[in-house]
Amino acid sequence: MTTAAHRPATLEDVARVAGVSRSTASRVIAGTGFASPAARELVAAAVDQLGYVPNPAARALVRGGGVRMVVAVLGASAAVLDDPYVHQVVGSAARVCTPASVGVALHWLPLGDPGGLARLDDRSVCGVILVNTTEELLESVPRSLRGRVVSIGVGSASVPSFDVDNVAGSEAVLRHLYATGRRRIAMVAGPRWLPCAQRPVETYRRLMRQAGMPERVLPGDFTAACGRAAADVALRQWPDVDAIYAISDDTALGVIAGLRDAGVRVPGDVAVAGFDDIPLAGLTAPALTTASHPVGRIAAAAATALLDGRPAAPVTLFPSALVARASA
C-alpha cells in the first residue's frame, strides 16, 4: 500500500498513521533511543499498513557514524581503480550523494574472491554500486545487503542493472564501417571474464555472418597498450585488413598508434573506430570515430536509486549512438 497512487510511504506518513511524533517513529524504526511498548506497537502496525521501506541513507544517518556509498570494482588487480571510467562513476555518484551528506568510497574486489562483498556489510554503508559485474559476483551478494546493491553491467532478480546499450552502439559503428566500404573488419574485444564485454563481440559476429564477411576477433583488456599490440597482430595475421573496431576508445587509440608505428595510414589504409566517446577521442589526429557512452548519467541513476531506496526496474539501458569522425 502507498499513500498516493505512485508515492511510497514516508516517515511522516508512518508517524501520522501511528499517532506519534516523527522523532518517536524514527527512533522505533532505527532501533535507537527510548520509545514505550505502546508506541512501538503503533509504529510497527503503521509500517505494515503502509508498506514503509526506510530510505537507507536516512536510516544510516539516524544510527550515527559515517555514511557512505561504496563503488565496488571487480578486477584482476588494484590497477583497475586507476581506470578513468571508474573515476567517472565515482565522480557522478559523489554529485548525487553530496547533497544528502553521504560520502562515496572506492573499493577493489579482486577476481576470485567471492567473500569480498561481505566485508562491505556494515551499518555505515547505505548502498553499493557494482562495476565490472559478473554472474559469480551477483551470486555472492550477502542476503543482508540485498536491496542496497545495484550493478553497472549485468544484474539479477535482486540486483537492478544500469548499463549502456553497447549492442546498439556497436552495431551502429560496424554498419558505418560497412557503409564506408570496409569489408575486412577486425575487432579487438574486452576481457573474456566480463559479461557486458561479450555483447559487442556477439554483435560483431552476427553482422559479419549476415554480410558474408570474415570474423577476425583479437583479445583485449580495454587498455591502449593492448590496442597497440593488437594492431601489430592484425597486420601480421590479416595483411588485407581494412578496418579495426575496438570496444574501448583507449584501445582504439592504441590501435592507431600501432598502425602509425607500422607506417599504415588511418583511415587511408585502415579505418579505426572505438567505443565510449571519451574527451580525448575528438582531440586526436585523426579524431576517433566511436559510439557514445553516457557513463555519468548511468552512475547518477544508479546512485539515485540507492539513495531513494525505491525498487528500480530490473534493467535500465541508456542509448548509445554513432559519433562519426575522421578515423573511419
C-alpha atoms as a PDB file:
ATOM      1  CA  MET A   1       0.000   0.000   0.000  1.00  0.00           C
ATOM      2  CA  THR A   2       1.195   3.537  -0.731  1.00  0.00           C
ATOM      3  CA  THR A   3      -0.163   6.877   0.453  1.00  0.00           C
ATOM      4  CA  ALA A   4      -0.841   8.060  -3.109  1.00  0.00           C
ATOM      5  CA  ALA A   5      -1.117   6.452  -6.496  1.00  0.00           C
ATOM      6  CA  HIS A   6       2.634   6.348  -7.100  1.00  0.00           C
ATOM      7  CA  ARG A   7       4.287   7.788  -3.972  1.00  0.00           C
ATOM      8  CA  PRO A   8       5.992   5.451  -1.480  1.00  0.00           C
ATOM      9  CA  ALA A   9       5.111   5.982   2.181  1.00  0.00           C
ATOM     10  CA  THR A  10       7.353   8.366   4.130  1.00  0.00           C
ATOM     11  CA  LEU A  11       8.423   8.534   7.760  1.00  0.00           C
ATOM     12  CA  GLU A  12       5.905  11.380   8.216  1.00  0.00           C
ATOM     13  CA  ASP A  13       3.117   9.102   6.946  1.00  0.00           C
ATOM     14  CA  VAL A  14       4.114   6.424   9.446  1.00  0.00           C
ATOM     15  CA  ALA A  15       4.106   8.933  12.314  1.00  0.00           C
ATOM     16  CA  ARG A  16       0.689  10.296  11.279  1.00  0.00           C
ATOM     17  CA  VAL A  17      -0.960   6.875  10.994  1.00  0.00           C
ATOM     18  CA  ALA A  18       0.620   5.705  14.279  1.00  0.00           C
ATOM     19  CA  GLY A  19      -0.378   8.896  16.068  1.00  0.00           C
ATOM     20  CA  VAL A  20       3.122   9.577  17.344  1.00  0.00           C
ATOM     21  CA  SER A  21       5.744  12.226  16.683  1.00  0.00           C
ATOM     22  CA  ARG A  22       8.150  11.926  13.766  1.00  0.00           C
ATOM     23  CA  SER A  23      11.092  11.588  16.175  1.00  0.00           C
ATOM     24  CA  THR A  24       9.375   8.728  18.001  1.00  0.00           C
ATOM     25  CA  ALA A  25       8.641   6.935  14.733  1.00  0.00           C
ATOM     26  CA  SER A  26      12.277   7.456  13.700  1.00  0.00           C
ATOM     27  CA  ARG A  27      13.618   6.021  16.975  1.00  0.00           C
ATOM     28  CA  VAL A  28      11.389   2.948  16.740  1.00  0.00           C
ATOM     29  CA  ILE A  29      12.308   2.213  13.100  1.00  0.00           C
ATOM     30  CA  ALA A  30      16.020   2.838  13.674  1.00  0.00           C
ATOM     31  CA  GLY A  31      16.034   0.783  16.880  1.00  0.00           C
ATOM     32  CA  THR A  32      17.733   3.555  18.841  1.00  0.00           C
ATOM     33  CA  GLY A  33      16.610   5.607  21.827  1.00  0.00           C
ATOM     34  CA  PHE A  34      13.580   5.241  24.097  1.00  0.00           C
ATOM     35  CA  ALA A  35      10.032   4.507  22.986  1.00  0.00           C
ATOM     36  CA  SER A  36       7.219   2.993  25.015  1.00  0.00           C
ATOM     37  CA  PRO A  37       5.952  -0.514  24.195  1.00  0.00           C
ATOM     38  CA  ALA A  38       2.652   1.005  23.077  1.00  0.00           C
ATOM     39  CA  ALA A  39       4.405   3.410  20.721  1.00  0.00           C
ATOM     40  CA  ARG A  40       6.468   0.568  19.280  1.00  0.00           C
ATOM     41  CA  GLU A  41       3.331  -1.439  18.560  1.00  0.00           C
ATOM     42  CA  LEU A  42       1.620   1.550  16.918  1.00  0.00           C
ATOM     43  CA  VAL A  43       4.635   2.302  14.711  1.00  0.00           C
ATOM     44  CA  ALA A  44       5.075  -1.347  13.727  1.00  0.00           C
ATOM     45  CA  ALA A  45       1.405  -1.563  12.752  1.00  0.00           C
ATOM     46  CA  ALA A  46       1.696   1.638  10.683  1.00  0.00           C
ATOM     47  CA  VAL A  47       4.809   0.345   8.913  1.00  0.00           C
ATOM     48  CA  ASP A  48       2.970  -2.868   7.990  1.00  0.00           C
ATOM     49  CA  GLN A  49      -0.159  -0.985   6.893  1.00  0.00           C
ATOM     50  CA  LEU A  50       1.710   1.475   4.677  1.00  0.00           C
ATOM     51  CA  GLY A  51       4.422  -0.890   3.398  1.00  0.00           C
ATOM     52  CA  TYR A  52       7.018   1.631   4.516  1.00  0.00           C
ATOM     53  CA  VAL A  53      10.622   0.969   3.449  1.00  0.00           C
ATOM     54  CA  PRO A  54      13.184   3.211   5.216  1.00  0.00           C
ATOM     55  CA  ASN A  55      15.484   5.201   2.968  1.00  0.00           C
ATOM     56  CA  PRO A  56      18.882   3.501   3.507  1.00  0.00           C
ATOM     57  CA  ALA A  57      20.786   6.768   3.643  1.00  0.00           C
ATOM     58  CA  ALA A  58      18.371   8.286   6.141  1.00  0.00           C
ATOM     59  CA  ARG A  59      18.444   5.122   8.256  1.00  0.00           C
ATOM     60  CA  ALA A  60      22.230   5.203   8.376  1.00  0.00           C
ATOM     61  CA  LEU A  61      22.212   8.873   9.349  1.00  0.00           C
ATOM     62  CA  VAL A  62      19.808   8.206  12.216  1.00  0.00           C
ATOM     63  CA  ARG A  63      22.040   5.435  13.533  1.00  0.00           C
ATOM     64  CA  GLY A  64      25.064   7.699  13.523  1.00  0.00           C
ATOM     65  CA  GLY A  65      28.599   7.238  12.256  1.00  0.00           C
ATOM     66  CA  GLY A  66      29.947   7.926   8.794  1.00  0.00           C
ATOM     67  CA  VAL A  67      27.543   7.226   5.980  1.00  0.00           C
ATOM     68  CA  ARG A  68      28.943   6.118   2.662  1.00  0.00           C
ATOM     69  CA  MET A  69      28.025   4.694  -0.684  1.00  0.00           C
ATOM     70  CA  VAL A  70      30.623   2.246  -1.968  1.00  0.00           C
ATOM     71  CA  VAL A  71      31.661   1.896  -5.606  1.00  0.00           C
ATOM     72  CA  ALA A  72      32.973  -1.691  -5.652  1.00  0.00           C
ATOM     73  CA  VAL A  73      35.020  -2.533  -8.756  1.00  0.00           C
ATOM     74  CA  LEU A  74      35.856  -6.080  -9.792  1.00  0.00           C
ATOM     75  CA  GLY A  75      39.264  -6.501 -11.391  1.00  0.00           C
ATOM     76  CA  ALA A  76      42.325  -8.692 -11.709  1.00  0.00           C
ATOM     77  CA  SER A  77      44.469  -6.149  -9.865  1.00  0.00           C
ATOM     78  CA  ALA A  78      44.119  -2.900  -7.934  1.00  0.00           C
ATOM     79  CA  ALA A  79      45.170  -1.098 -11.131  1.00  0.00           C
ATOM     80  CA  VAL A  80      41.501  -1.227 -12.151  1.00  0.00           C
ATOM     81  CA  LEU A  81      40.917   1.596  -9.646  1.00  0.00           C
ATOM     82  CA  ASP A  82      43.001   3.912 -11.864  1.00  0.00           C
ATOM     83  CA  ASP A  83      40.683   3.453 -14.852  1.00  0.00           C
ATOM     84  CA  PRO A  84      39.200   6.818 -15.990  1.00  0.00           C
ATOM     85  CA  TYR A  85      35.867   5.029 -16.402  1.00  0.00           C
ATOM     86  CA  VAL A  86      35.888   4.194 -12.691  1.00  0.00           C
ATOM     87  CA  HIS A  87      36.765   7.800 -11.860  1.00  0.00           C
ATOM     88  CA  GLN A  88      33.706   8.948 -13.816  1.00  0.00           C
ATOM     89  CA  VAL A  89      31.471   6.580 -11.874  1.00  0.00           C
ATOM     90  CA  VAL A  90      32.822   7.804  -8.533  1.00  0.00           C
ATOM     91  CA  GLY A  91      32.548  11.467  -9.523  1.00  0.00           C
ATOM     92  CA  SER A  92      28.970  11.134 -10.742  1.00  0.00           C
ATOM     93  CA  ALA A  93      27.943   9.197  -7.631  1.00  0.00           C
ATOM     94  CA  ALA A  94      29.521  11.897  -5.451  1.00  0.00           C
ATOM     95  CA  ARG A  95      27.496  14.628  -7.181  1.00  0.00           C
ATOM     96  CA  VAL A  96      24.327  12.739  -6.271  1.00  0.00           C
ATOM     97  CA  CYS A  97      25.393  11.841  -2.735  1.00  0.00           C
ATOM     98  CA  THR A  98      26.929  15.104  -1.521  1.00  0.00           C
ATOM     99  CA  PRO A  99      23.610  16.978  -1.096  1.00  0.00           C
ATOM    100  CA  ALA A 100      22.420  14.061   1.082  1.00  0.00           C
ATOM    101  CA  SER A 101      25.590  14.266   3.245  1.00  0.00           C
ATOM    102  CA  VAL A 102      26.597  10.809   2.063  1.00  0.00           C
ATOM    103  CA  GLY A 103      30.227  10.093   1.192  1.00  0.00           C
ATOM    104  CA  VAL A 104      31.461   7.888  -1.632  1.00  0.00           C
ATOM    105  CA  ALA A 105      34.167   5.257  -1.124  1.00  0.00           C
ATOM    106  CA  LEU A 106      36.050   3.263  -3.771  1.00  0.00           C
ATOM    107  CA  HIS A 107      36.720  -0.422  -3.133  1.00  0.00           C
ATOM    108  CA  TRP A 108      38.590  -3.063  -5.161  1.00  0.00           C
ATOM    109  CA  LEU A 109      37.053  -6.538  -5.389  1.00  0.00           C
ATOM    110  CA  PRO A 110      39.769  -8.995  -6.527  1.00  0.00           C
ATOM    111  CA  LEU A 111      38.740 -11.572  -9.100  1.00  0.00           C
ATOM    112  CA  GLY A 112      38.239 -14.939  -7.471  1.00  0.00           C
ATOM    113  CA  ASP A 113      37.411 -13.528  -4.024  1.00  0.00           C
ATOM    114  CA  PRO A 114      33.721 -14.349  -3.549  1.00  0.00           C
ATOM    115  CA  GLY A 115      33.714 -13.073   0.033  1.00  0.00           C
ATOM    116  CA  GLY A 116      34.741  -9.554  -0.877  1.00  0.00           C
ATOM    117  CA  LEU A 117      31.238  -8.093  -0.683  1.00  0.00           C
ATOM    118  CA  ALA A 118      30.619  -9.489   2.792  1.00  0.00           C
ATOM    119  CA  ARG A 119      33.288  -7.124   4.136  1.00  0.00           C
ATOM    120  CA  LEU A 120      31.171  -4.178   2.994  1.00  0.00           C
ATOM    121  CA  ASP A 121      28.149  -5.218   5.036  1.00  0.00           C
ATOM    122  CA  ASP A 122      28.062  -2.729   7.898  1.00  0.00           C
ATOM    123  CA  ARG A 123      25.540  -0.159   9.018  1.00  0.00           C
ATOM    124  CA  SER A 124      27.518   2.796   7.661  1.00  0.00           C
ATOM    125  CA  VAL A 125      27.078   1.544   4.076  1.00  0.00           C
ATOM    126  CA  CYS A 126      23.848   2.876   2.618  1.00  0.00           C
ATOM    127  CA  GLY A 127      24.442   1.251  -0.757  1.00  0.00           C
ATOM    128  CA  VAL A 128      26.898  -0.475  -3.094  1.00  0.00           C
ATOM    129  CA  ILE A 129      27.373   0.178  -6.822  1.00  0.00           C
ATOM    130  CA  LEU A 130      28.989  -2.808  -8.515  1.00  0.00           C
ATOM    131  CA  VAL A 131      31.245  -2.147 -11.518  1.00  0.00           C
ATOM    132  CA  ASN A 132      32.567  -4.884 -13.866  1.00  0.00           C
ATOM    133  CA  THR A 133      29.865  -7.199 -12.547  1.00  0.00           C
ATOM    134  CA  THR A 134      29.912 -10.937 -13.220  1.00  0.00           C
ATOM    135  CA  GLU A 135      27.351 -13.652 -12.517  1.00  0.00           C
ATOM    136  CA  GLU A 136      29.629 -15.022  -9.801  1.00  0.00           C
ATOM    137  CA  LEU A 137      29.778 -11.634  -8.100  1.00  0.00           C
ATOM    138  CA  LEU A 138      25.988 -11.333  -8.164  1.00  0.00           C
ATOM    139  CA  GLU A 139      25.654 -14.773  -6.578  1.00  0.00           C
ATOM    140  CA  SER A 140      27.981 -13.688  -3.762  1.00  0.00           C
ATOM    141  CA  VAL A 141      25.861 -10.693  -2.663  1.00  0.00           C
ATOM    142  CA  PRO A 142      25.039 -11.351   1.022  1.00  0.00           C
ATOM    143  CA  ARG A 143      21.356 -11.572   1.854  1.00  0.00           C
ATOM    144  CA  SER A 144      21.791  -8.731   4.329  1.00  0.00           C
ATOM    145  CA  LEU A 145      22.994  -6.411   1.519  1.00  0.00           C
ATOM    146  CA  ARG A 146      20.111  -7.130  -0.841  1.00  0.00           C
ATOM    147  CA  GLY A 147      18.107  -4.029  -1.509  1.00  0.00           C
ATOM    148  CA  ARG A 148      21.262  -1.960  -1.065  1.00  0.00           C
ATOM    149  CA  VAL A 149      23.131  -3.115  -4.199  1.00  0.00           C
ATOM    150  CA  VAL A 150      22.845  -2.071  -7.840  1.00  0.00           C
ATOM    151  CA  SER A 151      25.020  -3.028 -10.794  1.00  0.00           C
ATOM    152  CA  ILE A 152      26.552  -1.131 -13.680  1.00  0.00           C
ATOM    153  CA  GLY A 153      26.569  -4.107 -16.022  1.00  0.00           C
ATOM    154  CA  VAL A 154      24.705  -7.382 -15.666  1.00  0.00           C
ATOM    155  CA  GLY A 155      22.122  -7.670 -12.912  1.00  0.00           C
ATOM    156  CA  SER A 156      19.915 -10.305 -11.326  1.00  0.00           C
ATOM    157  CA  ALA A 157      16.465 -10.722  -9.810  1.00  0.00           C
ATOM    158  CA  SER A 158      17.637  -8.973  -6.631  1.00  0.00           C
ATOM    159  CA  VAL A 159      20.242  -6.584  -8.104  1.00  0.00           C
ATOM    160  CA  PRO A 160      18.982  -3.969 -10.614  1.00  0.00           C
ATOM    161  CA  SER A 161      21.182  -3.267 -13.635  1.00  0.00           C
ATOM    162  CA  PHE A 162      22.101   0.116 -15.125  1.00  0.00           C
ATOM    163  CA  ASP A 163      24.114  -0.060 -18.339  1.00  0.00           C
ATOM    164  CA  VAL A 164      24.768   1.316 -21.813  1.00  0.00           C
ATOM    165  CA  ASP A 165      23.169  -0.359 -24.819  1.00  0.00           C
ATOM    166  CA  ASN A 166      26.515  -1.436 -26.244  1.00  0.00           C
ATOM    167  CA  VAL A 167      24.794  -3.790 -28.673  1.00  0.00           C
ATOM    168  CA  ALA A 168      23.097  -0.901 -30.483  1.00  0.00           C
ATOM    169  CA  GLY A 169      26.219   1.274 -30.229  1.00  0.00           C
ATOM    170  CA  SER A 170      28.477  -1.442 -31.633  1.00  0.00           C
ATOM    171  CA  GLU A 171      26.049  -2.198 -34.421  1.00  0.00           C
ATOM    172  CA  ALA A 172      25.934   1.490 -35.395  1.00  0.00           C
ATOM    173  CA  VAL A 173      29.744   1.647 -35.593  1.00  0.00           C
ATOM    174  CA  LEU A 174      30.063  -1.568 -37.575  1.00  0.00           C
ATOM    175  CA  ARG A 175      27.336  -0.564 -40.043  1.00  0.00           C
ATOM    176  CA  HIS A 176      29.122   2.760 -40.513  1.00  0.00           C
ATOM    177  CA  LEU A 177      32.361   0.938 -41.356  1.00  0.00           C
ATOM    178  CA  TYR A 178      30.486  -1.232 -43.853  1.00  0.00           C
ATOM    179  CA  ALA A 179      28.763   1.796 -45.400  1.00  0.00           C
ATOM    180  CA  THR A 180      32.149   3.445 -45.978  1.00  0.00           C
ATOM    181  CA  GLY A 181      33.324   0.420 -47.974  1.00  0.00           C
ATOM    182  CA  ARG A 182      35.208  -1.607 -45.361  1.00  0.00           C
ATOM    183  CA  ARG A 183      34.841  -5.352 -45.863  1.00  0.00           C
ATOM    184  CA  ARG A 184      37.691  -6.925 -43.863  1.00  0.00           C
ATOM    185  CA  ILE A 185      36.977  -5.669 -40.357  1.00  0.00           C
ATOM    186  CA  ALA A 186      38.881  -6.951 -37.328  1.00  0.00           C
ATOM    187  CA  MET A 187      37.713  -6.462 -33.757  1.00  0.00           C
ATOM    188  CA  VAL A 188      39.641  -6.005 -30.503  1.00  0.00           C
ATOM    189  CA  ALA A 189      37.444  -7.390 -27.721  1.00  0.00           C
ATOM    190  CA  GLY A 190      37.346  -6.833 -23.953  1.00  0.00           C
ATOM    191  CA  PRO A 191      38.168  -9.187 -21.070  1.00  0.00           C
ATOM    192  CA  ARG A 192      36.586 -12.608 -21.565  1.00  0.00           C
ATOM    193  CA  TRP A 193      35.509 -12.815 -17.914  1.00  0.00           C
ATOM    194  CA  LEU A 194      33.364  -9.682 -18.213  1.00  0.00           C
ATOM    195  CA  PRO A 195      29.815 -10.471 -19.469  1.00  0.00           C
ATOM    196  CA  CYS A 196      28.983  -6.971 -20.718  1.00  0.00           C
ATOM    197  CA  ALA A 197      32.107  -7.039 -22.912  1.00  0.00           C
ATOM    198  CA  GLN A 198      30.828 -10.126 -24.727  1.00  0.00           C
ATOM    199  CA  ARG A 199      27.704  -8.469 -26.124  1.00  0.00           C
ATOM    200  CA  PRO A 200      29.633  -6.364 -28.702  1.00  0.00           C
ATOM    201  CA  VAL A 201      31.561  -9.461 -29.767  1.00  0.00           C
ATOM    202  CA  GLU A 202      28.306 -11.338 -30.355  1.00  0.00           C
ATOM    203  CA  THR A 203      27.000  -8.342 -32.306  1.00  0.00           C
ATOM    204  CA  TYR A 204      30.155  -8.246 -34.439  1.00  0.00           C
ATOM    205  CA  ARG A 205      29.975 -11.983 -35.211  1.00  0.00           C
ATOM    206  CA  ARG A 206      26.290 -11.731 -36.136  1.00  0.00           C
ATOM    207  CA  LEU A 207      26.824  -8.823 -38.526  1.00  0.00           C
ATOM    208  CA  MET A 208      29.886 -10.411 -40.141  1.00  0.00           C
ATOM    209  CA  ARG A 209      27.927 -13.626 -40.781  1.00  0.00           C
ATOM    210  CA  GLN A 210      24.981 -11.696 -42.218  1.00  0.00           C
ATOM    211  CA  ALA A 211      27.277  -9.813 -44.605  1.00  0.00           C
ATOM    212  CA  GLY A 212      29.286 -12.898 -45.554  1.00  0.00           C
ATOM    213  CA  MET A 213      32.464 -11.271 -44.225  1.00  0.00           C
ATOM    214  CA  PRO A 214      35.304 -12.985 -42.297  1.00  0.00           C
ATOM    215  CA  GLU A 215      35.290 -12.914 -38.481  1.00  0.00           C
ATOM    216  CA  ARG A 216      38.571 -11.647 -37.016  1.00  0.00           C
ATOM    217  CA  VAL A 217      38.487 -11.203 -33.232  1.00  0.00           C
ATOM    218  CA  LEU A 218      41.520 -10.344 -31.103  1.00  0.00           C
ATOM    219  CA  PRO A 219      41.554 -10.471 -27.285  1.00  0.00           C
ATOM    220  CA  GLY A 220      41.728  -7.200 -25.372  1.00  0.00           C
ATOM    221  CA  ASP A 221      41.574  -5.604 -21.936  1.00  0.00           C
ATOM    222  CA  PHE A 222      40.400  -2.016 -22.615  1.00  0.00           C
ATOM    223  CA  THR A 223      43.961  -0.599 -22.472  1.00  0.00           C
ATOM    224  CA  ALA A 224      45.912   1.396 -25.049  1.00  0.00           C
ATOM    225  CA  ALA A 225      48.887  -0.978 -24.736  1.00  0.00           C
ATOM    226  CA  CYS A 226      46.639  -3.850 -25.737  1.00  0.00           C
ATOM    227  CA  GLY A 227      45.425  -1.867 -28.766  1.00  0.00           C
ATOM    228  CA  ARG A 228      48.960  -1.173 -29.935  1.00  0.00           C
ATOM    229  CA  ALA A 229      49.842  -4.863 -29.678  1.00  0.00           C
ATOM    230  CA  ALA A 230      46.589  -5.865 -31.398  1.00  0.00           C
ATOM    231  CA  ALA A 231      47.379  -3.639 -34.376  1.00  0.00           C
ATOM    232  CA  ASP A 232      50.674  -5.469 -34.860  1.00  0.00           C
ATOM    233  CA  VAL A 233      48.978  -8.874 -34.639  1.00  0.00           C
ATOM    234  CA  ALA A 234      46.209  -7.850 -37.028  1.00  0.00           C
ATOM    235  CA  LEU A 235      48.656  -6.622 -39.692  1.00  0.00           C
ATOM    236  CA  ARG A 236      50.718  -9.816 -39.492  1.00  0.00           C
ATOM    237  CA  GLN A 237      47.763 -12.213 -39.307  1.00  0.00           C
ATOM    238  CA  TRP A 238      45.482 -10.452 -41.808  1.00  0.00           C
ATOM    239  CA  PRO A 239      47.552  -8.251 -44.177  1.00  0.00           C
ATOM    240  CA  ASP A 240      44.372  -7.302 -46.061  1.00  0.00           C
ATOM    241  CA  VAL A 241      42.608  -5.854 -43.011  1.00  0.00           C
ATOM    242  CA  ASP A 242      40.929  -2.534 -43.853  1.00  0.00           C
ATOM    243  CA  ALA A 243      39.251  -1.644 -40.538  1.00  0.00           C
ATOM    244  CA  ILE A 244      39.708  -2.324 -36.830  1.00  0.00           C
ATOM    245  CA  TYR A 245      36.949  -1.825 -34.269  1.00  0.00           C
ATOM    246  CA  ALA A 246      37.895  -1.773 -30.577  1.00  0.00           C
ATOM    247  CA  ILE A 247      35.241  -1.780 -27.851  1.00  0.00           C
ATOM    248  CA  SER A 248      37.166   0.828 -25.862  1.00  0.00           C
ATOM    249  CA  ASP A 249      38.402   4.226 -27.037  1.00  0.00           C
ATOM    250  CA  ASP A 250      41.643   3.756 -25.116  1.00  0.00           C
ATOM    251  CA  THR A 251      42.230   0.532 -27.023  1.00  0.00           C
ATOM    252  CA  ALA A 252      41.305   2.173 -30.327  1.00  0.00           C
ATOM    253  CA  LEU A 253      43.814   4.977 -29.710  1.00  0.00           C
ATOM    254  CA  GLY A 254      46.428   2.298 -29.046  1.00  0.00           C
ATOM    255  CA  VAL A 255      45.476   0.671 -32.344  1.00  0.00           C
ATOM    256  CA  ILE A 256      46.057   3.962 -34.180  1.00  0.00           C
ATOM    257  CA  ALA A 257      49.463   4.312 -32.519  1.00  0.00           C
ATOM    258  CA  GLY A 258      50.386   0.759 -33.523  1.00  0.00           C
ATOM    259  CA  LEU A 259      49.310   1.314 -37.117  1.00  0.00           C
ATOM    260  CA  ARG A 260      51.279   4.547 -37.247  1.00  0.00           C
ATOM    261  CA  ASP A 261      54.359   2.695 -35.962  1.00  0.00           C
ATOM    262  CA  ALA A 262      53.968   0.286 -38.879  1.00  0.00           C
ATOM    263  CA  GLY A 263      53.635   3.074 -41.441  1.00  0.00           C
ATOM    264  CA  VAL A 264      49.926   2.376 -42.026  1.00  0.00           C
ATOM    265  CA  ARG A 265      47.695   5.367 -42.813  1.00  0.00           C
ATOM    266  CA  VAL A 266      44.475   5.927 -40.821  1.00  0.00           C
ATOM    267  CA  PRO A 267      41.935   5.978 -42.359  1.00  0.00           C
ATOM    268  CA  GLY A 268      43.563   5.761 -45.801  1.00  0.00           C
ATOM    269  CA  ASP A 269      44.767   2.174 -45.397  1.00  0.00           C
ATOM    270  CA  VAL A 270      42.906   1.030 -42.282  1.00  0.00           C
ATOM    271  CA  ALA A 271      39.922   2.712 -40.647  1.00  0.00           C
ATOM    272  CA  VAL A 272      39.751   2.637 -36.836  1.00  0.00           C
ATOM    273  CA  ALA A 273      36.759   3.033 -34.521  1.00  0.00           C
ATOM    274  CA  GLY A 274      36.214   2.735 -30.784  1.00  0.00           C
ATOM    275  CA  PHE A 275      33.526   2.876 -28.133  1.00  0.00           C
ATOM    276  CA  ASP A 276      32.960   5.321 -25.212  1.00  0.00           C
ATOM    277  CA  ASP A 277      33.462   8.771 -26.794  1.00  0.00           C
ATOM    278  CA  ILE A 278      35.983   9.824 -24.150  1.00  0.00           C
ATOM    279  CA  PRO A 279      37.034  13.517 -24.250  1.00  0.00           C
ATOM    280  CA  LEU A 280      40.331  12.664 -25.947  1.00  0.00           C
ATOM    281  CA  ALA A 281      38.523  10.941 -28.843  1.00  0.00           C
ATOM    282  CA  GLY A 282      37.680  14.239 -30.516  1.00  0.00           C
ATOM    283  CA  LEU A 283      41.129  15.760 -29.980  1.00  0.00           C
ATOM    284  CA  THR A 284      43.406  13.178 -31.576  1.00  0.00           C
ATOM    285  CA  ALA A 285      44.730  13.285 -35.130  1.00  0.00           C
ATOM    286  CA  PRO A 286      42.799  11.807 -36.785  1.00  0.00           C
ATOM    287  CA  ALA A 287      39.798  12.331 -34.488  1.00  0.00           C
ATOM    288  CA  LEU A 288      38.325   8.985 -33.450  1.00  0.00           C
ATOM    289  CA  THR A 289      35.052   7.590 -34.750  1.00  0.00           C
ATOM    290  CA  THR A 290      33.271   5.981 -31.813  1.00  0.00           C
ATOM    291  CA  ALA A 291      29.933   5.393 -30.058  1.00  0.00           C
ATOM    292  CA  SER A 292      28.605   7.415 -27.135  1.00  0.00           C
ATOM    293  CA  HIS A 293      28.623   6.026 -23.595  1.00  0.00           C
ATOM    294  CA  PRO A 294      26.813   8.217 -21.004  1.00  0.00           C
ATOM    295  CA  VAL A 295      28.790   6.956 -18.002  1.00  0.00           C
ATOM    296  CA  GLY A 296      27.868   9.963 -15.876  1.00  0.00           C
ATOM    297  CA  ARG A 297      24.132   9.537 -16.413  1.00  0.00           C
ATOM    298  CA  ILE A 298      24.337   5.807 -15.759  1.00  0.00           C
ATOM    299  CA  ALA A 299      26.246   6.218 -12.497  1.00  0.00           C
ATOM    300  CA  ALA A 300      23.970   9.049 -11.346  1.00  0.00           C
ATOM    301  CA  ALA A 301      20.892   6.917 -11.969  1.00  0.00           C
ATOM    302  CA  ALA A 302      22.411   4.002 -10.035  1.00  0.00           C
ATOM    303  CA  ALA A 303      23.341   6.221  -7.075  1.00  0.00           C
ATOM    304  CA  THR A 304      19.933   7.910  -7.076  1.00  0.00           C
ATOM    305  CA  ALA A 305      18.165   4.549  -6.972  1.00  0.00           C
ATOM    306  CA  LEU A 306      20.168   3.577  -3.887  1.00  0.00           C
ATOM    307  CA  LEU A 307      19.564   6.877  -2.096  1.00  0.00           C
ATOM    308  CA  ASP A 308      15.831   6.863  -2.859  1.00  0.00           C
ATOM    309  CA  GLY A 309      15.506   3.333  -1.522  1.00  0.00           C
ATOM    310  CA  ARG A 310      12.834   2.578  -4.098  1.00  0.00           C
ATOM    311  CA  PRO A 311      12.673  -0.590  -6.214  1.00  0.00           C
ATOM    312  CA  ALA A 312      14.333   0.018  -9.583  1.00  0.00           C
ATOM    313  CA  ALA A 313      13.499  -1.630 -12.891  1.00  0.00           C
ATOM    314  CA  PRO A 314      15.414  -4.904 -13.349  1.00  0.00           C
ATOM    315  CA  VAL A 315      17.328  -3.427 -16.309  1.00  0.00           C
ATOM    316  CA  THR A 316      17.768   0.221 -17.291  1.00  0.00           C
ATOM    317  CA  LEU A 317      19.592   0.661 -20.612  1.00  0.00           C
ATOM    318  CA  PHE A 318      20.965   4.005 -21.772  1.00  0.00           C
ATOM    319  CA  PRO A 319      21.201   4.621 -25.535  1.00  0.00           C
ATOM    320  CA  SER A 320      24.471   4.691 -27.466  1.00  0.00           C
ATOM    321  CA  ALA A 321      24.826   6.460 -30.798  1.00  0.00           C
ATOM    322  CA  LEU A 322      27.448   6.688 -33.545  1.00  0.00           C
ATOM    323  CA  VAL A 323      29.886   9.617 -33.335  1.00  0.00           C
ATOM    324  CA  ALA A 324      31.465   9.714 -36.794  1.00  0.00           C
ATOM    325  CA  ARG A 325      34.840  11.428 -37.108  1.00  0.00           C
ATOM    326  CA  ALA A 326      37.907  11.315 -39.341  1.00  0.00           C
ATOM    327  CA  SER A 327      39.409   7.941 -38.325  1.00  0.00           C
ATOM    328  CA  ALA A 328      36.668   5.979 -40.103  1.00  0.00           C
END
